[in-house]
């Protein structure tokens, strides 16, 4: 039985040929994911989301026969290698990290809303109220020191620390 019979050629694939391609590409994708590292799939930053979307989009073409398998796997490998190299560079060079991943943006600070930053991030007061409720269990901003928009798209709520009364010396 030839490889052409097992994997087919072009777009005219039967169910078994597509299944054979899916089987092989599962392991190819697993290898590429291992090379990319779990960071790429564990974080929600735009930098990491790119690899997930592009790898899925490109490799799916090989399963369906929309593109030749080998060039498609090579293209997917290029995405993974570029992502990995950029991740290593941004881990060491702060300037590169700011360009590739962006920076955290303070949206609320001790009673003051940063309206310009909120508008740029597409975050409303209601979004901040939801973050406060879900992360602190509070229904007001009382006791909230800061709310930041992280590069992952998450909102971080930092509460004020209760002040500890100084002990009197005995």
Protein backbone atom coordinates (compact mmCIF):
# COMPACT_ATOMS: atom_id res chain seq x y z
CA UNK A 1 0.00 0.00 0.00
CA UNK A 2 1.53 3.36 -1.03
CA UNK A 3 1.63 6.60 0.95
CA UNK A 4 -0.56 8.15 -1.74
CA UNK A 5 -3.21 5.50 -1.03
CA UNK A 6 -3.00 6.05 2.75
CA UNK A 7 -2.80 9.86 2.84
CA UNK A 8 -4.27 10.83 -0.52
CA UNK A 9 -3.28 13.82 -2.57
CA UNK A 10 -4.90 17.18 -3.17
CA UNK A 11 -8.36 18.05 -1.94
CA UNK A 12 -10.12 14.85 -2.96
CA UNK A 13 -9.62 12.86 0.25
CA UNK A 14 -11.83 10.12 1.54
CA UNK A 15 -12.67 9.76 5.22
CA UNK A 16 -9.84 7.29 5.88
CA UNK A 17 -7.20 9.45 4.20
CA UNK A 18 -8.29 12.49 6.21
CA UNK A 19 -8.26 10.36 9.38
CA UNK A 20 -4.73 9.15 8.58
CA UNK A 21 -3.59 12.74 8.07
CA UNK A 22 -5.26 13.82 11.32
CA UNK A 23 -3.56 10.96 13.18
CA UNK A 24 -0.09 11.89 11.93
CA UNK A 25 -0.64 15.62 12.35
CA UNK A 26 -1.75 15.10 15.94
CA UNK A 27 1.74 13.84 16.75
CA UNK A 28 3.41 16.53 14.63
CA UNK A 29 1.39 19.17 16.48
CA UNK A 30 2.25 17.59 19.83
CA UNK A 31 5.93 17.82 18.92
CA UNK A 32 5.54 21.47 17.86
CA UNK A 33 3.67 22.30 21.08
CA UNK A 34 6.46 20.71 23.12
CA UNK A 35 9.01 22.81 21.20
CA UNK A 36 6.94 25.98 21.69
CA UNK A 37 6.66 25.25 25.40
CA UNK A 38 3.60 25.26 27.58
CA UNK A 39 3.98 28.98 28.15
CA UNK A 40 2.55 29.54 24.68
CA UNK A 41 -0.61 27.70 25.62
CA UNK A 42 -0.88 28.61 29.29
CA UNK A 43 -0.90 32.41 29.03
CA UNK A 44 -3.50 34.53 27.36
CA UNK A 45 -1.35 37.33 25.99
CA UNK A 46 -1.71 38.40 22.37
CA UNK A 47 1.86 37.23 21.79
CA UNK A 48 0.96 33.71 22.91
CA UNK A 49 -2.48 33.66 21.29
CA UNK A 50 -0.90 34.24 17.88
CA UNK A 51 0.91 30.89 17.97
CA UNK A 52 -2.26 29.03 18.97
CA UNK A 53 -4.36 30.57 16.19
CA UNK A 54 -1.74 30.38 13.45
CA UNK A 55 -0.59 26.87 14.26
CA UNK A 56 -4.17 25.60 14.24
CA UNK A 57 -5.05 27.45 11.04
CA UNK A 58 -1.97 26.30 9.14
CA UNK A 59 -1.90 22.67 10.25
CA UNK A 60 -5.62 22.18 9.62
CA UNK A 61 -4.94 22.83 5.93
CA UNK A 62 -2.77 19.70 5.79
CA UNK A 63 -5.54 17.59 7.35
CA UNK A 64 -8.13 18.72 4.82
CA UNK A 65 -5.77 18.61 1.86
CA UNK A 66 -6.13 22.34 1.18
CA UNK A 67 -2.31 22.64 1.20
CA UNK A 68 0.50 20.11 0.73
CA UNK A 69 1.40 18.42 4.03
CA UNK A 70 5.18 18.90 4.17
CA UNK A 71 5.23 22.65 3.32
CA UNK A 72 2.37 23.14 5.79
CA UNK A 73 4.29 21.42 8.61
CA UNK A 74 7.37 23.49 7.73
CA UNK A 75 5.28 26.69 7.92
CA UNK A 76 3.90 25.61 11.31
CA UNK A 77 7.45 24.90 12.48
CA UNK A 78 8.51 28.40 11.44
CA UNK A 79 5.72 29.89 13.60
CA UNK A 80 6.84 27.82 16.57
CA UNK A 81 10.52 28.67 16.13
CA UNK A 82 9.84 32.40 15.73
CA UNK A 83 7.61 32.35 18.82
CA UNK A 84 10.22 30.47 20.86
CA UNK A 85 13.08 32.76 19.80
CA UNK A 86 11.01 35.89 20.54
CA UNK A 87 10.03 34.45 23.93
CA UNK A 88 13.69 33.89 24.81
CA UNK A 89 14.65 37.39 23.62
CA UNK A 90 11.81 39.07 25.51
CA UNK A 91 12.70 37.15 28.67
CA UNK A 92 16.11 38.82 28.64
CA UNK A 93 15.62 42.21 27.00
CA UNK A 94 13.03 44.50 28.63
CA UNK A 95 12.82 46.82 25.60
CA UNK A 96 11.98 43.89 23.30
CA UNK A 97 9.44 42.63 25.83
CA UNK A 98 7.63 45.99 25.82
CA UNK A 99 7.50 46.01 22.01
CA UNK A 100 6.35 42.40 21.58
CA UNK A 101 4.12 41.93 24.63
CA UNK A 102 3.17 45.45 25.67
CA UNK A 103 2.99 46.72 29.23
CA UNK A 104 0.58 46.63 32.12
CA UNK A 105 -1.69 49.66 32.26
CA UNK A 106 -2.93 51.12 35.55
CA UNK A 107 -6.67 51.83 35.25
CA UNK A 108 -7.57 52.76 38.82
CA UNK A 109 -5.37 54.14 41.57
CA UNK A 110 -6.56 54.99 45.11
CA UNK A 111 -9.98 56.34 44.14
CA UNK A 112 -9.00 57.78 40.77
CA UNK A 113 -10.04 56.25 37.44
CA UNK A 114 -7.57 56.53 34.57
CA UNK A 115 -10.23 57.25 31.93
CA UNK A 116 -7.83 57.67 28.98
CA UNK A 117 -6.15 54.34 29.69
CA UNK A 118 -9.54 52.68 30.24
CA UNK A 119 -10.78 53.97 26.87
CA UNK A 120 -7.60 52.81 25.08
CA UNK A 121 -7.99 49.34 26.61
CA UNK A 122 -11.74 49.17 25.95
CA UNK A 123 -12.44 48.73 29.67
CA UNK A 124 -15.50 50.32 31.28
CA UNK A 125 -16.20 51.18 34.90
CA UNK A 126 -18.58 48.20 34.93
CA UNK A 127 -15.66 45.95 33.91
CA UNK A 128 -13.64 47.25 36.85
CA UNK A 129 -16.60 46.77 39.20
CA UNK A 130 -16.93 43.17 38.00
CA UNK A 131 -13.22 42.56 38.59
CA UNK A 132 -13.50 43.96 42.13
CA UNK A 133 -16.53 41.75 42.88
CA UNK A 134 -15.02 38.58 41.43
CA UNK A 135 -11.55 38.99 42.94
CA UNK A 136 -12.32 40.55 46.34
CA UNK A 137 -15.98 39.78 47.02
CA UNK A 138 -16.56 43.50 47.59
CA UNK A 139 -19.30 45.50 45.91
CA UNK A 140 -17.52 48.88 46.09
CA UNK A 141 -14.04 50.21 45.44
CA UNK A 142 -13.53 50.72 49.18
CA UNK A 143 -10.24 49.10 50.15
CA UNK A 144 -9.07 48.79 46.54
CA UNK A 145 -5.68 50.39 46.02
CA UNK A 146 -5.15 49.70 42.33
CA UNK A 147 -6.55 47.91 39.30
CA UNK A 148 -4.21 47.10 36.42
CA UNK A 149 -4.88 45.83 32.90
CA UNK A 150 -2.25 43.13 32.36
CA UNK A 151 -0.66 42.19 29.03
CA UNK A 152 -2.66 38.95 29.21
CA UNK A 153 -5.93 40.91 29.17
CA UNK A 154 -6.61 40.10 32.83
CA UNK A 155 -7.53 42.72 35.38
CA UNK A 156 -5.46 42.59 38.57
CA UNK A 157 -7.08 44.03 41.68
CA UNK A 158 -4.72 45.08 44.45
CA UNK A 159 -6.33 45.73 47.81
CA UNK A 160 -5.05 48.01 50.51
CA UNK A 161 -3.31 46.18 53.29
CA UNK A 162 -4.84 46.69 56.71
CA UNK A 163 -2.61 48.78 58.91
CA UNK A 164 -1.20 47.01 61.93
CA UNK A 165 -1.16 49.14 65.05
CA UNK A 166 2.32 49.63 66.42
CA UNK A 167 2.92 47.88 69.73
CA UNK A 168 3.87 49.92 72.71
CA UNK A 169 7.18 48.99 74.21
CA UNK A 170 6.73 47.51 77.69
